[in-house]
C-alpha atoms as a PDB file:
ATOM      1  CA  MET A   1     126.384 106.544 124.614  1.00  0.00           C
ATOM      2  CA  ASN A   2     128.533 109.654 124.376  1.00  0.00           C
ATOM      3  CA  GLY A   3     129.406 111.620 121.285  1.00  0.00           C
ATOM      4  CA  LYS A   4     128.015 111.323 117.811  1.00  0.00           C
ATOM      5  CA  ILE A   5     127.067 108.856 115.107  1.00  0.00           C
ATOM      6  CA  TYR A   6     128.908 109.420 111.830  1.00  0.00           C
ATOM      7  CA  ILE A   7     128.273 107.058 108.921  1.00  0.00           C
ATOM      8  CA  SER A   8     129.801 108.000 105.574  1.00  0.00           C
ATOM      9  CA  GLY A   9     131.339 106.452 102.473  1.00  0.00           C
ATOM     10  CA  ASN A  10     129.796 102.987 102.819  1.00  0.00           C
ATOM     11  CA  ASP A  11     128.860 102.293  99.197  1.00  0.00           C
ATOM     12  CA  ASP A  12     127.328  98.854  99.890  1.00  0.00           C
ATOM     13  CA  LEU A  13     125.189  99.910 102.875  1.00  0.00           C
ATOM     14  CA  THR A  14     121.485  99.631 101.947  1.00  0.00           C
ATOM     15  CA  ASN A  15     119.732  99.880 105.316  1.00  0.00           C
ATOM     16  CA  LEU A  16     120.577 101.092 108.777  1.00  0.00           C
ATOM     17  CA  SER A  17     118.850 100.245 112.054  1.00  0.00           C
ATOM     18  CA  PHE A  18     119.486 101.187 115.685  1.00  0.00           C
ATOM     19  CA  PRO A  19     116.528  99.467 117.396  1.00  0.00           C
ATOM     20  CA  ASP A  20     117.381 100.330 121.027  1.00  0.00           C
ATOM     21  CA  LEU A  21     118.887 103.806 120.688  1.00  0.00           C
ATOM     22  CA  GLU A  22     116.889 106.482 122.555  1.00  0.00           C
ATOM     23  CA  LYS A  23     119.216 109.491 122.851  1.00  0.00           C
ATOM     24  CA  VAL A  24     122.274 110.909 121.087  1.00  0.00           C
ATOM     25  CA  PRO A  25     124.029 113.648 123.101  1.00  0.00           C
ATOM     26  CA  GLY A  26     125.963 114.767 120.035  1.00  0.00           C
ATOM     27  CA  GLU A  27     124.923 114.616 116.400  1.00  0.00           C
ATOM     28  CA  ILE A  28     123.805 112.070 113.841  1.00  0.00           C
ATOM     29  CA  ASP A  29     125.558 112.582 110.497  1.00  0.00           C
ATOM     30  CA  ILE A  30     124.648 110.168 107.690  1.00  0.00           C
ATOM     31  CA  GLU A  31     126.008 111.075 104.264  1.00  0.00           C
ATOM     32  CA  GLY A  32     127.878 109.696 101.267  1.00  0.00           C
ATOM     33  CA  ASN A  33     126.280 106.244 101.383  1.00  0.00           C
ATOM     34  CA  SER A  34     125.084 105.951  97.789  1.00  0.00           C
ATOM     35  CA  LYS A  35     122.879 102.839  98.191  1.00  0.00           C
ATOM     36  CA  LEU A  36     121.424 103.618 101.622  1.00  0.00           C
ATOM     37  CA  ARG A  37     117.619 103.769 101.335  1.00  0.00           C
ATOM     38  CA  ASP A  38     116.142 102.848 104.729  1.00  0.00           C
ATOM     39  CA  ILE A  39     117.044 104.384 108.102  1.00  0.00           C
ATOM     40  CA  VAL A  40     115.276 103.056 111.194  1.00  0.00           C
ATOM     41  CA  PHE A  41     115.630 104.520 114.708  1.00  0.00           C
ATOM     42  CA  PRO A  42     112.346 103.228 116.198  1.00  0.00           C
ATOM     43  CA  ASP A  43     112.950 104.349 119.807  1.00  0.00           C
ATOM     44  CA  LEU A  44     114.976 107.532 119.198  1.00  0.00           C
ATOM     45  CA  LYS A  45     113.607 110.470 121.199  1.00  0.00           C
ATOM     46  CA  ASN A  46     116.372 113.092 121.418  1.00  0.00           C
ATOM     47  CA  VAL A  47     119.293 114.280 119.305  1.00  0.00           C
ATOM     48  CA  ASP A  48     120.964 117.070 121.279  1.00  0.00           C
ATOM     49  CA  GLY A  49     123.187 118.144 118.390  1.00  0.00           C
ATOM     50  CA  ALA A  50     122.533 118.238 114.664  1.00  0.00           C
ATOM     51  CA  LEU A  51     120.674 115.695 112.568  1.00  0.00           C
ATOM     52  CA  ILE A  52     122.385 115.650 109.159  1.00  0.00           C
ATOM     53  CA  LEU A  53     120.934 113.436 106.425  1.00  0.00           C
ATOM     54  CA  GLU A  54     122.180 113.377 102.842  1.00  0.00           C
ATOM     55  CA  GLY A  55     120.882 110.899 100.291  1.00  0.00           C
ATOM     56  CA  SER A  56     117.832 109.511  98.528  1.00  0.00           C
ATOM     57  CA  PHE A  57     115.972 107.648 101.234  1.00  0.00           C
ATOM     58  CA  ASN A  58     112.830 105.551 100.850  1.00  0.00           C
ATOM     59  CA  GLU A  59     112.151 105.339 104.560  1.00  0.00           C
ATOM     60  CA  TRP A  60     113.084 107.226 107.714  1.00  0.00           C
ATOM     61  CA  VAL A  61     111.517 105.745 110.845  1.00  0.00           C
ATOM     62  CA  SER A  62     111.731 107.501 114.185  1.00  0.00           C
ATOM     63  CA  GLN A  63     108.223 107.627 115.554  1.00  0.00           C
ATOM     64  CA  PHE A  64     109.101 109.024 119.009  1.00  0.00           C
ATOM     65  CA  LEU A  65     111.574 111.755 117.990  1.00  0.00           C
ATOM     66  CA  SER A  66     110.629 114.866 119.956  1.00  0.00           C
ATOM     67  CA  PHE A  67     113.812 116.991 120.095  1.00  0.00           C
ATOM     68  CA  VAL A  68     116.592 117.806 117.624  1.00  0.00           C
ATOM     69  CA  GLY A  69     119.104 120.611 118.187  1.00  0.00           C
ATOM     70  CA  ARG A  70     119.453 121.400 114.434  1.00  0.00           C
ATOM     71  CA  ILE A  71     118.327 119.654 111.263  1.00  0.00           C
ATOM     72  CA  PHE A  72     120.134 119.594 107.900  1.00  0.00           C
ATOM     73  CA  ILE A  73     118.530 117.566 105.105  1.00  0.00           C
END
């Protein structure tokens, strides 16, 4: 995978899962999803760019995450 993950403005999205994703060379930007409560990246280890999370989440799962370039919550 090259680039970034940008998920925004999905008003009916309630959960998000990327079960096989291990590395993002860009950024992860998740914002403006009013019903999103659960985010699961079980195998994610590295985010080279920024990790941007905006919302009221019940669960964030990323048990192997060991490197993030920048974090904005």
